[in-house]
Protein backbone atom coordinates (compact mmCIF):
# COMPACT_ATOMS: atom_id res chain seq x y z
CA UNK A 1 3.24 -32.91 13.01
CA UNK A 2 6.45 -31.94 14.80
CA UNK A 3 6.35 -28.82 16.94
CA UNK A 4 9.00 -27.00 14.88
CA UNK A 5 7.05 -27.57 11.67
CA UNK A 6 3.84 -26.30 13.24
CA UNK A 7 5.65 -23.21 14.52
CA UNK A 8 7.06 -22.53 11.05
CA UNK A 9 3.65 -22.95 9.44
CA UNK A 10 2.06 -20.61 12.00
CA UNK A 11 4.76 -17.99 11.42
CA UNK A 12 4.28 -18.06 7.66
CA UNK A 13 0.52 -17.82 8.04
CA UNK A 14 0.86 -14.78 10.31
CA UNK A 15 3.20 -13.07 7.86
CA UNK A 16 0.79 -13.58 4.99
CA UNK A 17 -2.20 -12.34 6.96
CA UNK A 18 -0.42 -9.38 8.50
CA UNK A 19 1.21 -8.14 5.28
CA UNK A 20 -0.05 -4.58 4.83
CA UNK A 21 -1.80 -3.59 1.66
CA UNK A 22 -0.38 -0.57 -0.06
CA UNK A 23 -0.88 1.80 -2.93
CA UNK A 24 2.18 0.24 -4.58
CA UNK A 25 3.93 3.47 -5.57
CA UNK A 26 7.12 2.51 -7.38
CA UNK A 27 8.63 5.86 -8.48
CA UNK A 28 10.63 7.31 -5.57
CA UNK A 29 10.79 10.78 -7.20
CA UNK A 30 7.06 11.14 -7.84
CA UNK A 31 5.51 14.01 -5.88
CA UNK A 32 2.02 13.74 -4.44
CA UNK A 33 0.78 16.38 -6.88
CA UNK A 34 2.14 14.39 -9.83
CA UNK A 35 0.73 11.15 -8.38
CA UNK A 36 -2.75 12.66 -8.32
CA UNK A 37 -2.32 14.47 -11.65
CA UNK A 38 -1.07 11.47 -13.65
CA UNK A 39 -3.82 9.21 -12.37
CA UNK A 40 -1.39 6.50 -11.27
CA UNK A 41 -3.72 5.66 -8.40
CA UNK A 42 -6.48 4.92 -10.94
CA UNK A 43 -4.17 2.67 -12.96
CA UNK A 44 -3.22 0.79 -9.79
CA UNK A 45 -6.90 0.21 -9.04
CA UNK A 46 -7.55 -1.17 -12.52
CA UNK A 47 -4.63 -3.61 -12.30
CA UNK A 48 -5.86 -4.86 -8.94
CA UNK A 49 -9.52 -5.30 -9.84
CA UNK A 50 -9.96 -7.93 -7.15
CA UNK A 51 -8.14 -5.91 -4.49
CA UNK A 52 -9.22 -6.25 -0.91
CA UNK A 53 -11.20 -3.69 1.00
CA UNK A 54 -8.09 -2.96 3.09
CA UNK A 55 -6.06 -2.09 -0.02
CA UNK A 56 -8.79 0.24 -1.25
CA UNK A 57 -8.96 1.93 2.16
CA UNK A 58 -5.21 2.54 2.25
CA UNK A 59 -5.26 3.83 -1.32
CA UNK A 60 -7.99 6.31 -0.37
CA UNK A 61 -5.95 7.44 2.65
CA UNK A 62 -2.88 7.98 0.47
CA UNK A 63 -4.93 10.02 -2.04
CA UNK A 64 -6.35 12.16 0.78
CA UNK A 65 -2.90 12.62 2.34
CA UNK A 66 -1.43 13.58 -1.05
CA UNK A 67 -4.23 16.08 -1.64
CA UNK A 68 -3.40 17.73 1.69
CA UNK A 69 0.41 17.60 1.13
CA UNK A 70 1.07 18.02 -2.62
CA UNK A 71 4.78 18.80 -2.27
CA UNK A 72 5.55 15.60 -0.35
CA UNK A 73 6.90 12.55 -2.18
CA UNK A 74 4.14 10.03 -2.95
CA UNK A 75 6.21 7.11 -1.70
CA UNK A 76 6.66 8.88 1.65
CA UNK A 77 2.91 9.46 1.83
CA UNK A 78 2.36 5.76 1.23
CA UNK A 79 4.82 4.84 3.97
CA UNK A 80 3.13 7.28 6.36
CA UNK A 81 -0.30 5.80 5.70
CA UNK A 82 0.80 2.15 5.88
CA UNK A 83 3.04 2.63 8.90
CA UNK A 84 6.13 1.19 7.21
């Protein structure tokens, strides 16, 4: 296998492995209080029944962060917890 092809394959593999899991909040105007009140985090969990342990951990961190900062935007809380 040529060196360039191996390098490309290694790069793609690293990107797939290193992709952070997230709570997948899609509404940019949703406050943390509304995120917790509407139960969107529960709906996300049901749609990702086979979600990884890492995704569940990040989702729990976002819920805890939102509980402590209810006026903050939920999408900002997600970005804070995932480091993006």
